[in-house]
mmCIF file of all heavy atoms, coordinates in Angstrom:
data_MODEL
# 
_entry.id   MODEL 
# 
loop_
_atom_site.group_PDB 
_atom_site.id 
_atom_site.type_symbol 
_atom_site.label_atom_id 
_atom_site.label_alt_id 
_atom_site.label_comp_id 
_atom_site.label_asym_id 
_atom_site.label_entity_id 
_atom_site.label_seq_id 
_atom_site.pdbx_PDB_ins_code 
_atom_site.Cartn_x 
_atom_site.Cartn_y 
_atom_site.Cartn_z 
_atom_site.occupancy 
_atom_site.B_iso_or_equiv 
_atom_site.pdbx_formal_charge 
_atom_site.auth_seq_id 
_atom_site.auth_comp_id 
_atom_site.auth_asym_id 
_atom_site.auth_atom_id 
_atom_site.pdbx_PDB_model_num 
ATOM 1   N N   . THR A 1 1  ? -6.693  8.183  -24.119 1.00 0.00 ? 1  THR A N   1 
ATOM 2   C CA  . THR A 1 1  ? -5.297  7.900  -23.821 1.00 0.00 ? 1  THR A CA  1 
ATOM 3   C C   . THR A 1 1  ? -4.362  8.881  -24.493 1.00 0.00 ? 1  THR A C   1 
ATOM 4   O O   . THR A 1 1  ? -4.680  9.474  -25.527 1.00 0.00 ? 1  THR A O   1 
ATOM 5   C CB  . THR A 1 1  ? -4.917  6.478  -24.253 1.00 0.00 ? 1  THR A CB  1 
ATOM 6   O OG1 . THR A 1 1  ? -5.140  6.332  -25.666 1.00 0.00 ? 1  THR A OG1 1 
ATOM 7   C CG2 . THR A 1 1  ? -5.753  5.447  -23.512 1.00 0.00 ? 1  THR A CG2 1 
ATOM 8   N N   . ASN A 1 2  ? -3.195  9.038  -23.885 1.00 0.00 ? 2  ASN A N   1 
ATOM 9   C CA  . ASN A 1 2  ? -2.110  9.825  -24.449 1.00 0.00 ? 2  ASN A CA  1 
ATOM 10  C C   . ASN A 1 2  ? -0.800  9.130  -24.135 1.00 0.00 ? 2  ASN A C   1 
ATOM 11  O O   . ASN A 1 2  ? -0.669  8.475  -23.100 1.00 0.00 ? 2  ASN A O   1 
ATOM 12  C CB  . ASN A 1 2  ? -2.093  11.245 -23.887 1.00 0.00 ? 2  ASN A CB  1 
ATOM 13  C CG  . ASN A 1 2  ? -3.206  12.112 -24.429 1.00 0.00 ? 2  ASN A CG  1 
ATOM 14  O OD1 . ASN A 1 2  ? -3.156  12.530 -25.582 1.00 0.00 ? 2  ASN A OD1 1 
ATOM 15  N ND2 . ASN A 1 2  ? -4.215  12.364 -23.614 1.00 0.00 ? 2  ASN A ND2 1 
ATOM 16  N N   . TYR A 1 3  ? 0.184   9.296  -25.024 1.00 0.00 ? 3  TYR A N   1 
ATOM 17  C CA  . TYR A 1 3  ? 1.468   8.622  -24.880 1.00 0.00 ? 3  TYR A CA  1 
ATOM 18  C C   . TYR A 1 3  ? 2.621   9.562  -25.153 1.00 0.00 ? 3  TYR A C   1 
ATOM 19  O O   . TYR A 1 3  ? 2.510   10.482 -25.967 1.00 0.00 ? 3  TYR A O   1 
ATOM 20  C CB  . TYR A 1 3  ? 1.573   7.441  -25.850 1.00 0.00 ? 3  TYR A CB  1 
ATOM 21  C CG  . TYR A 1 3  ? 0.525   6.386  -25.634 1.00 0.00 ? 3  TYR A CG  1 
ATOM 22  C CD1 . TYR A 1 3  ? -0.670  6.426  -26.334 1.00 0.00 ? 3  TYR A CD1 1 
ATOM 23  C CD2 . TYR A 1 3  ? 0.736   5.354  -24.729 1.00 0.00 ? 3  TYR A CD2 1 
ATOM 24  C CE1 . TYR A 1 3  ? -1.636  5.455  -26.133 1.00 0.00 ? 3  TYR A CE1 1 
ATOM 25  C CE2 . TYR A 1 3  ? -0.222  4.384  -24.523 1.00 0.00 ? 3  TYR A CE2 1 
ATOM 26  C CZ  . TYR A 1 3  ? -1.408  4.436  -25.229 1.00 0.00 ? 3  TYR A CZ  1 
ATOM 27  O OH  . TYR A 1 3  ? -2.361  3.478  -25.024 1.00 0.00 ? 3  TYR A OH  1 
ATOM 28  N N   . ALA A 1 4  ? 3.717   9.297  -24.470 1.00 0.00 ? 4  ALA A N   1 
ATOM 29  C CA  . ALA A 1 4  ? 4.953   9.971  -24.818 1.00 0.00 ? 4  ALA A CA  1 
ATOM 30  C C   . ALA A 1 4  ? 5.397   9.526  -26.205 1.00 0.00 ? 4  ALA A C   1 
ATOM 31  O O   . ALA A 1 4  ? 5.186   8.374  -26.602 1.00 0.00 ? 4  ALA A O   1 
ATOM 32  C CB  . ALA A 1 4  ? 6.037   9.651  -23.797 1.00 0.00 ? 4  ALA A CB  1 
ATOM 33  N N   . ASP A 1 5  ? 6.012   10.431 -26.946 1.00 0.00 ? 5  ASP A N   1 
ATOM 34  C CA  . ASP A 1 5  ? 6.463   10.096 -28.293 1.00 0.00 ? 5  ASP A CA  1 
ATOM 35  C C   . ASP A 1 5  ? 7.414   8.903  -28.299 1.00 0.00 ? 5  ASP A C   1 
ATOM 36  O O   . ASP A 1 5  ? 7.420   8.112  -29.247 1.00 0.00 ? 5  ASP A O   1 
ATOM 37  C CB  . ASP A 1 5  ? 7.144   11.300 -28.940 1.00 0.00 ? 5  ASP A CB  1 
ATOM 38  C CG  . ASP A 1 5  ? 6.166   12.387 -29.322 1.00 0.00 ? 5  ASP A CG  1 
ATOM 39  O OD1 . ASP A 1 5  ? 4.956   12.122 -29.392 1.00 0.00 ? 5  ASP A OD1 1 
ATOM 40  O OD2 . ASP A 1 5  ? 6.627   13.525 -29.557 1.00 0.00 ? 5  ASP A OD2 1 
ATOM 41  N N   . SER A 1 6  ? 8.197   8.757  -27.251 1.00 0.00 ? 6  SER A N   1 
ATOM 42  C CA  . SER A 1 6  ? 9.199   7.710  -27.202 1.00 0.00 ? 6  SER A CA  1 
ATOM 43  C C   . SER A 1 6  ? 8.607   6.310  -27.119 1.00 0.00 ? 6  SER A C   1 
ATOM 44  O O   . SER A 1 6  ? 9.294   5.329  -27.422 1.00 0.00 ? 6  SER A O   1 
ATOM 45  C CB  . SER A 1 6  ? 10.145  7.936  -26.020 1.00 0.00 ? 6  SER A CB  1 
ATOM 46  O OG  . SER A 1 6  ? 9.434   7.949  -24.801 1.00 0.00 ? 6  SER A OG  1 
ATOM 47  N N   . VAL A 1 7  ? 7.353   6.201  -26.701 1.00 0.00 ? 7  VAL A N   1 
ATOM 48  C CA  . VAL A 1 7  ? 6.734   4.887  -26.547 1.00 0.00 ? 7  VAL A CA  1 
ATOM 49  C C   . VAL A 1 7  ? 5.535   4.689  -27.461 1.00 0.00 ? 7  VAL A C   1 
ATOM 50  O O   . VAL A 1 7  ? 4.973   3.584  -27.505 1.00 0.00 ? 7  VAL A O   1 
ATOM 51  C CB  . VAL A 1 7  ? 6.309   4.620  -25.087 1.00 0.00 ? 7  VAL A CB  1 
ATOM 52  C CG1 . VAL A 1 7  ? 7.475   4.851  -24.144 1.00 0.00 ? 7  VAL A CG1 1 
ATOM 53  C CG2 . VAL A 1 7  ? 5.116   5.489  -24.690 1.00 0.00 ? 7  VAL A CG2 1 
ATOM 54  N N   . LYS A 1 8  ? 5.149   5.709  -28.177 1.00 0.00 ? 8  LYS A N   1 
ATOM 55  C CA  . LYS A 1 8  ? 3.975   5.633  -29.043 1.00 0.00 ? 8  LYS A CA  1 
ATOM 56  C C   . LYS A 1 8  ? 4.138   4.517  -30.066 1.00 0.00 ? 8  LYS A C   1 
ATOM 57  O O   . LYS A 1 8  ? 5.164   4.402  -30.728 1.00 0.00 ? 8  LYS A O   1 
ATOM 58  C CB  . LYS A 1 8  ? 3.750   6.976  -29.728 1.00 0.00 ? 8  LYS A CB  1 
ATOM 59  C CG  . LYS A 1 8  ? 2.383   7.142  -30.358 1.00 0.00 ? 8  LYS A CG  1 
ATOM 60  C CD  . LYS A 1 8  ? 2.151   8.598  -30.774 1.00 0.00 ? 8  LYS A CD  1 
ATOM 61  C CE  . LYS A 1 8  ? 2.149   9.528  -29.581 1.00 0.00 ? 8  LYS A CE  1 
ATOM 62  N NZ  . LYS A 1 8  ? 1.880   10.944 -29.973 1.00 0.00 ? 8  LYS A NZ  1 
ATOM 63  N N   . GLY A 1 9  ? 3.120   3.701  -30.169 1.00 0.00 ? 9  GLY A N   1 
ATOM 64  C CA  . GLY A 1 9  ? 3.156   2.569  -31.076 1.00 0.00 ? 9  GLY A CA  1 
ATOM 65  C C   . GLY A 1 9  ? 3.711   1.307  -30.463 1.00 0.00 ? 9  GLY A C   1 
ATOM 66  O O   . GLY A 1 9  ? 3.582   0.226  -31.059 1.00 0.00 ? 9  GLY A O   1 
ATOM 67  N N   . ARG A 1 10 ? 4.335   1.412  -29.306 1.00 0.00 ? 10 ARG A N   1 
ATOM 68  C CA  . ARG A 1 10 ? 4.903   0.250  -28.625 1.00 0.00 ? 10 ARG A CA  1 
ATOM 69  C C   . ARG A 1 10 ? 4.183   -0.084 -27.326 1.00 0.00 ? 10 ARG A C   1 
ATOM 70  O O   . ARG A 1 10 ? 4.084   -1.255 -26.961 1.00 0.00 ? 10 ARG A O   1 
ATOM 71  C CB  . ARG A 1 10 ? 6.386   0.474  -28.324 1.00 0.00 ? 10 ARG A CB  1 
ATOM 72  C CG  . ARG A 1 10 ? 7.240   0.695  -29.557 1.00 0.00 ? 10 ARG A CG  1 
ATOM 73  C CD  . ARG A 1 10 ? 8.723   0.703  -29.203 1.00 0.00 ? 10 ARG A CD  1 
ATOM 74  N NE  . ARG A 1 10 ? 9.068   1.803  -28.301 1.00 0.00 ? 10 ARG A NE  1 
ATOM 75  C CZ  . ARG A 1 10 ? 9.610   1.641  -27.097 1.00 0.00 ? 10 ARG A CZ  1 
ATOM 76  N NH1 . ARG A 1 10 ? 9.883   0.424  -26.638 1.00 0.00 ? 10 ARG A NH1 1 
ATOM 77  N NH2 . ARG A 1 10 ? 9.911   2.699  -26.353 1.00 0.00 ? 10 ARG A NH2 1 
ATOM 78  N N   . PHE A 1 11 ? 3.721   0.943  -26.623 1.00 0.00 ? 11 PHE A N   1 
ATOM 79  C CA  . PHE A 1 11 ? 3.068   0.760  -25.332 1.00 0.00 ? 11 PHE A CA  1 
ATOM 80  C C   . PHE A 1 11 ? 1.582   1.051  -25.461 1.00 0.00 ? 11 PHE A C   1 
ATOM 81  O O   . PHE A 1 11 ? 1.161   1.857  -26.300 1.00 0.00 ? 11 PHE A O   1 
ATOM 82  C CB  . PHE A 1 11 ? 3.657   1.701  -24.277 1.00 0.00 ? 11 PHE A CB  1 
ATOM 83  C CG  . PHE A 1 11 ? 5.064   1.407  -23.853 1.00 0.00 ? 11 PHE A CG  1 
ATOM 84  C CD1 . PHE A 1 11 ? 5.856   0.482  -24.507 1.00 0.00 ? 11 PHE A CD1 1 
ATOM 85  C CD2 . PHE A 1 11 ? 5.597   2.086  -22.766 1.00 0.00 ? 11 PHE A CD2 1 
ATOM 86  C CE1 . PHE A 1 11 ? 7.151   0.224  -24.111 1.00 0.00 ? 11 PHE A CE1 1 
ATOM 87  C CE2 . PHE A 1 11 ? 6.897   1.836  -22.351 1.00 0.00 ? 11 PHE A CE2 1 
ATOM 88  C CZ  . PHE A 1 11 ? 7.674   0.908  -23.025 1.00 0.00 ? 11 PHE A CZ  1 
ATOM 89  N N   . ALA A 1 12 ? 0.797   0.437  -24.599 1.00 0.00 ? 12 ALA A N   1 
ATOM 90  C CA  . ALA A 1 12 ? -0.635  0.694  -24.562 1.00 0.00 ? 12 ALA A CA  1 
ATOM 91  C C   . ALA A 1 12 ? -1.121  0.682  -23.115 1.00 0.00 ? 12 ALA A C   1 
ATOM 92  O O   . ALA A 1 12 ? -0.858  -0.271 -22.379 1.00 0.00 ? 12 ALA A O   1 
ATOM 93  C CB  . ALA A 1 12 ? -1.402  -0.333 -25.381 1.00 0.00 ? 12 ALA A CB  1 
ATOM 94  N N   . ILE A 1 13 ? -1.809  1.735  -22.729 1.00 0.00 ? 13 ILE A N   1 
ATOM 95  C CA  . ILE A 1 13 ? -2.395  1.812  -21.404 1.00 0.00 ? 13 ILE A CA  1 
ATOM 96  C C   . ILE A 1 13 ? -3.877  1.465  -21.496 1.00 0.00 ? 13 ILE A C   1 
ATOM 97  O O   . ILE A 1 13 ? -4.544  1.806  -22.471 1.00 0.00 ? 13 ILE A O   1 
ATOM 98  C CB  . ILE A 1 13 ? -2.188  3.213  -20.784 1.00 0.00 ? 13 ILE A CB  1 
ATOM 99  C CG1 . ILE A 1 13 ? -2.609  3.238  -19.314 1.00 0.00 ? 13 ILE A CG1 1 
ATOM 100 C CG2 . ILE A 1 13 ? -2.904  4.287  -21.586 1.00 0.00 ? 13 ILE A CG2 1 
ATOM 101 C CD1 . ILE A 1 13 ? -2.223  4.523  -18.585 1.00 0.00 ? 13 ILE A CD1 1 
ATOM 102 N N   . SER A 1 14 ? -4.369  0.784  -20.495 1.00 0.00 ? 14 SER A N   1 
ATOM 103 C CA  . SER A 1 14 ? -5.778  0.420  -20.454 1.00 0.00 ? 14 SER A CA  1 
ATOM 104 C C   . SER A 1 14 ? -6.233  0.366  -19.004 1.00 0.00 ? 14 SER A C   1 
ATOM 105 O O   . SER A 1 14 ? -5.418  0.364  -18.081 1.00 0.00 ? 14 SER A O   1 
ATOM 106 C CB  . SER A 1 14 ? -6.026  -0.917 -21.155 1.00 0.00 ? 14 SER A CB  1 
ATOM 107 O OG  . SER A 1 14 ? -5.310  -1.963 -20.521 1.00 0.00 ? 14 SER A OG  1 
ATOM 108 N N   . ARG A 1 15 ? -7.533  0.330  -18.817 1.00 0.00 ? 15 ARG A N   1 
ATOM 109 C CA  . ARG A 1 15 ? -8.071  0.234  -17.468 1.00 0.00 ? 15 ARG A CA  1 
ATOM 110 C C   . ARG A 1 15 ? -9.259  -0.698 -17.440 1.00 0.00 ? 15 ARG A C   1 
ATOM 111 O O   . ARG A 1 15 ? -10.012 -0.810 -18.412 1.00 0.00 ? 15 ARG A O   1 
ATOM 112 C CB  . ARG A 1 15 ? -8.458  1.618  -16.925 1.00 0.00 ? 15 ARG A CB  1 
ATOM 113 C CG  . ARG A 1 15 ? -9.582  2.310  -17.690 1.00 0.00 ? 15 ARG A CG  1 
ATOM 114 C CD  . ARG A 1 15 ? -9.740  3.762  -17.231 1.00 0.00 ? 15 ARG A CD  1 
ATOM 115 N NE  . ARG A 1 15 ? -10.196 3.849  -15.853 1.00 0.00 ? 15 ARG A NE  1 
ATOM 116 C CZ  . ARG A 1 15 ? -10.058 4.920  -15.078 1.00 0.00 ? 15 ARG A CZ  1 
ATOM 117 N NH1 . ARG A 1 15 ? -9.442  5.997  -15.558 1.00 0.00 ? 15 ARG A NH1 1 
ATOM 118 N NH2 . ARG A 1 15 ? -10.519 4.915  -13.841 1.00 0.00 ? 15 ARG A NH2 1 
ATOM 119 N N   . ASP A 1 16 ? -9.424  -1.362 -16.318 1.00 0.00 ? 16 ASP A N   1 
ATOM 120 C CA  . ASP A 1 16 ? -10.549 -2.242 -16.084 1.00 0.00 ? 16 ASP A CA  1 
ATOM 121 C C   . ASP A 1 16 ? -11.210 -1.758 -14.804 1.00 0.00 ? 16 ASP A C   1 
ATOM 122 O O   . ASP A 1 16 ? -10.750 -2.064 -13.703 1.00 0.00 ? 16 ASP A O   1 
ATOM 123 C CB  . ASP A 1 16 ? -10.096 -3.692 -15.965 1.00 0.00 ? 16 ASP A CB  1 
ATOM 124 C CG  . ASP A 1 16 ? -11.259 -4.666 -15.902 1.00 0.00 ? 16 ASP A CG  1 
ATOM 125 O OD1 . ASP A 1 16 ? -12.364 -4.273 -15.495 1.00 0.00 ? 16 ASP A OD1 1 
ATOM 126 O OD2 . ASP A 1 16 ? -11.057 -5.842 -16.257 1.00 0.00 ? 16 ASP A OD2 1 
ATOM 127 N N   . ASN A 1 17 ? -12.271 -0.995 -14.949 1.00 0.00 ? 17 ASN A N   1 
ATOM 128 C CA  . ASN A 1 17 ? -12.922 -0.409 -13.781 1.00 0.00 ? 17 ASN A CA  1 
ATOM 129 C C   . ASN A 1 17 ? -13.516 -1.470 -12.857 1.00 0.00 ? 17 ASN A C   1 
ATOM 130 O O   . ASN A 1 17 ? -13.589 -1.272 -11.645 1.00 0.00 ? 17 ASN A O   1 
ATOM 131 C CB  . ASN A 1 17 ? -14.013 0.573  -14.218 1.00 0.00 ? 17 ASN A CB  1 
ATOM 132 C CG  . ASN A 1 17 ? -13.449 1.862  -14.777 1.00 0.00 ? 17 ASN A CG  1 
ATOM 133 O OD1 . ASN A 1 17 ? -12.237 2.064  -14.806 1.00 0.00 ? 17 ASN A OD1 1 
ATOM 134 N ND2 . ASN A 1 17 ? -14.337 2.735  -15.231 1.00 0.00 ? 17 ASN A ND2 1 
ATOM 135 N N   . ALA A 1 18 ? -13.948 -2.584 -13.419 1.00 0.00 ? 18 ALA A N   1 
ATOM 136 C CA  . ALA A 1 18 ? -14.513 -3.653 -12.606 1.00 0.00 ? 18 ALA A CA  1 
ATOM 137 C C   . ALA A 1 18 ? -13.470 -4.291 -11.708 1.00 0.00 ? 18 ALA A C   1 
ATOM 138 O O   . ALA A 1 18 ? -13.795 -4.806 -10.638 1.00 0.00 ? 18 ALA A O   1 
ATOM 139 C CB  . ALA A 1 18 ? -15.163 -4.707 -13.491 1.00 0.00 ? 18 ALA A CB  1 
ATOM 140 N N   . LYS A 1 19 ? -12.208 -4.278 -12.134 1.00 0.00 ? 19 LYS A N   1 
ATOM 141 C CA  . LYS A 1 19 ? -11.119 -4.862 -11.360 1.00 0.00 ? 19 LYS A CA  1 
ATOM 142 C C   . LYS A 1 19 ? -10.284 -3.826 -10.629 1.00 0.00 ? 19 LYS A C   1 
ATOM 143 O O   . LYS A 1 19 ? -9.327  -4.190 -9.942  1.00 0.00 ? 19 LYS A O   1 
ATOM 144 C CB  . LYS A 1 19 ? -10.211 -5.685 -12.271 1.00 0.00 ? 19 LYS A CB  1 
ATOM 145 C CG  . LYS A 1 19 ? -10.891 -6.887 -12.891 1.00 0.00 ? 19 LYS A CG  1 
ATOM 146 C CD  . LYS A 1 19 ? -9.913  -7.676 -13.748 1.00 0.00 ? 19 LYS A CD  1 
ATOM 147 C CE  . LYS A 1 19 ? -10.568 -8.906 -14.335 1.00 0.00 ? 19 LYS A CE  1 
ATOM 148 N NZ  . LYS A 1 19 ? -9.624  -9.679 -15.183 1.00 0.00 ? 19 LYS A NZ  1 
ATOM 149 N N   . ASN A 1 20 ? -10.621 -2.553 -10.793 1.00 0.00 ? 20 ASN A N   1 
ATOM 150 C CA  . ASN A 1 20 ? -9.844  -1.469 -10.180 1.00 0.00 ? 20 ASN A CA  1 
ATOM 151 C C   . ASN A 1 20 ? -8.358  -1.589 -10.520 1.00 0.00 ? 20 ASN A C   1 
ATOM 152 O O   . ASN A 1 20 ? -7.488  -1.427 -9.659  1.00 0.00 ? 20 ASN A O   1 
ATOM 153 C CB  . ASN A 1 20 ? -10.033 -1.448 -8.664  1.00 0.00 ? 20 ASN A CB  1 
ATOM 154 C CG  . ASN A 1 20 ? -11.427 -1.026 -8.251  1.00 0.00 ? 20 ASN A CG  1 
ATOM 155 O OD1 . ASN A 1 20 ? -12.182 -0.447 -9.033  1.00 0.00 ? 20 ASN A OD1 1 
ATOM 156 N ND2 . ASN A 1 20 ? -11.786 -1.302 -7.010  1.00 0.00 ? 20 ASN A ND2 1 
ATOM 157 N N   . THR A 1 21 ? -8.087  -1.853 -11.770 1.00 0.00 ? 21 THR A N   1 
ATOM 158 C CA  . THR A 1 21 ? -6.722  -2.102 -12.200 1.00 0.00 ? 21 THR A CA  1 
ATOM 159 C C   . THR A 1 21 ? -6.425  -1.369 -13.500 1.00 0.00 ? 21 THR A C   1 
ATOM 160 O O   . THR A 1 21 ? -7.275  -1.330 -14.398 1.00 0.00 ? 21 THR A O   1 
ATOM 161 C CB  . THR A 1 21 ? -6.465  -3.603 -12.383 1.00 0.00 ? 21 THR A CB  1 
ATOM 162 O OG1 . THR A 1 21 ? -6.727  -4.282 -11.145 1.00 0.00 ? 21 THR A OG1 1 
ATOM 163 C CG2 . THR A 1 21 ? -5.019  -3.866 -12.782 1.00 0.00 ? 21 THR A CG2 1 
ATOM 164 N N   . VAL A 1 22 ? -5.238  -0.808 -13.576 1.00 0.00 ? 22 VAL A N   1 
ATOM 165 C CA  . VAL A 1 22 ? -4.726  -0.164 -14.776 1.00 0.00 ? 22 VAL A CA  1 
ATOM 166 C C   . VAL A 1 22 ? -3.539  -0.968 -15.276 1.00 0.00 ? 22 VAL A C   1 
ATOM 167 O O   . VAL A 1 22 ? -2.739  -1.469 -14.480 1.00 0.00 ? 22 VAL A O   1 
ATOM 168 C CB  . VAL A 1 22 ? -4.310  1.289  -14.491 1.00 0.00 ? 22 VAL A CB  1 
ATOM 169 C CG1 . VAL A 1 22 ? -3.720  1.937  -15.737 1.00 0.00 ? 22 VAL A CG1 1 
ATOM 170 C CG2 . VAL A 1 22 ? -5.500  2.094  -13.991 1.00 0.00 ? 22 VAL A CG2 1 
ATOM 171 N N   . TYR A 1 23 ? -3.414  -1.070 -16.581 1.00 0.00 ? 23 TYR A N   1 
ATOM 172 C CA  . TYR A 1 23 ? -2.358  -1.864 -17.184 1.00 0.00 ? 23 TYR A CA  1 
ATOM 173 C C   . TYR A 1 23 ? -1.495  -1.016 -18.104 1.00 0.00 ? 23 TYR A C   1 
ATOM 174 O O   . TYR A 1 23 ? -1.945  -0.018 -18.668 1.00 0.00 ? 23 TYR A O   1 
ATOM 175 C CB  . TYR A 1 23 ? -2.939  -3.016 -18.003 1.00 0.00 ? 23 TYR A CB  1 
ATOM 176 C CG  . TYR A 1 23 ? -3.865  -3.916 -17.224 1.00 0.00 ? 23 TYR A CG  1 
ATOM 177 C CD1 . TYR A 1 23 ? -5.239  -3.719 -17.253 1.00 0.00 ? 23 TYR A CD1 1 
ATOM 178 C CD2 . TYR A 1 23 ? -3.362  -4.958 -16.457 1.00 0.00 ? 23 TYR A CD2 1 
ATOM 179 C CE1 . TYR A 1 23 ? -6.094  -4.537 -16.541 1.00 0.00 ? 23 TYR A CE1 1 
ATOM 180 C CE2 . TYR A 1 23 ? -4.210  -5.782 -15.740 1.00 0.00 ? 23 TYR A CE2 1 
ATOM 181 C CZ  . TYR A 1 23 ? -5.569  -5.573 -15.782 1.00 0.00 ? 23 TYR A CZ  1 
ATOM 182 O OH  . TYR A 1 23 ? -6.418  -6.391 -15.071 1.00 0.00 ? 23 TYR A OH  1 
ATOM 183 N N   . LEU A 1 24 ? -0.275  -1.444 -18.262 1.00 0.00 ? 24 LEU A N   1 
ATOM 184 C CA  . LEU A 1 24 ? 0.601   -0.887 -19.282 1.00 0.00 ? 24 LEU A CA  1 
ATOM 185 C C   . LEU A 1 24 ? 1.228   -2.050 -20.034 1.00 0.00 ? 24 LEU A C   1 
ATOM 186 O O   . LEU A 1 24 ? 2.093   -2.743 -19.493 1.00 0.00 ? 24 LEU A O   1 
ATOM 187 C CB  . LEU A 1 24 ? 1.687   0.003  -18.678 1.00 0.00 ? 24 LEU A CB  1 
ATOM 188 C CG  . LEU A 1 24 ? 2.595   0.683  -19.700 1.00 0.00 ? 24 LEU A CG  1 
ATOM 189 C CD1 . LEU A 1 24 ? 1.807   1.710  -20.517 1.00 0.00 ? 24 LEU A CD1 1 
ATOM 190 C CD2 . LEU A 1 24 ? 3.787   1.349  -19.023 1.00 0.00 ? 24 LEU A CD2 1 
ATOM 191 N N   . GLN A 1 25 ? 0.767   -2.269 -21.241 1.00 0.00 ? 25 GLN A N   1 
ATOM 192 C CA  . GLN A 1 25 ? 1.344   -3.285 -22.105 1.00 0.00 ? 25 GLN A CA  1 
ATOM 193 C C   . GLN A 1 25 ? 2.538   -2.680 -22.827 1.00 0.00 ? 25 GLN A C   1 
ATOM 194 O O   . GLN A 1 25 ? 2.400   -1.675 -23.517 1.00 0.00 ? 25 GLN A O   1 
ATOM 195 C CB  . GLN A 1 25 ? 0.313   -3.785 -23.113 1.00 0.00 ? 25 GLN A CB  1 
ATOM 196 C CG  . GLN A 1 25 ? 0.843   -4.840 -24.074 1.00 0.00 ? 25 GLN A CG  1 
ATOM 197 C CD  . GLN A 1 25 ? 1.194   -6.130 -23.384 1.00 0.00 ? 25 GLN A CD  1 
ATOM 198 O OE1 . GLN A 1 25 ? 0.416   -6.637 -22.578 1.00 0.00 ? 25 GLN A OE1 1 
ATOM 199 N NE2 . GLN A 1 25 ? 2.365   -6.669 -23.680 1.00 0.00 ? 25 GLN A NE2 1 
ATOM 200 N N   . MET A 1 26 ? 3.687   -3.288 -22.667 1.00 0.00 ? 26 MET A N   1 
ATOM 201 C CA  . MET A 1 26 ? 4.927   -2.781 -23.239 1.00 0.00 ? 26 MET A CA  1 
ATOM 202 C C   . MET A 1 26 ? 5.476   -3.810 -24.211 1.00 0.00 ? 26 MET A C   1 
ATOM 203 O O   . MET A 1 26 ? 5.822   -4.924 -23.814 1.00 0.00 ? 26 MET A O   1 
ATOM 204 C CB  . MET A 1 26 ? 5.947   -2.475 -22.144 1.00 0.00 ? 26 MET A CB  1 
ATOM 205 C CG  . MET A 1 26 ? 5.443   -1.507 -21.081 1.00 0.00 ? 26 MET A CG  1 
ATOM 206 S SD  . MET A 1 26 ? 6.726   -1.034 -19.894 1.00 0.00 ? 26 MET A SD  1 
ATOM 207 C CE  . MET A 1 26 ? 7.020   -2.614 -19.110 1.00 0.00 ? 26 MET A CE  1 
# 
């Protein structure tokens, strides 16, 4: 993963290949 400095520490990206879904926790 990589993040913009403006959101680092606050946002988290993840993926679930079994569900074919990507998430962004904000």
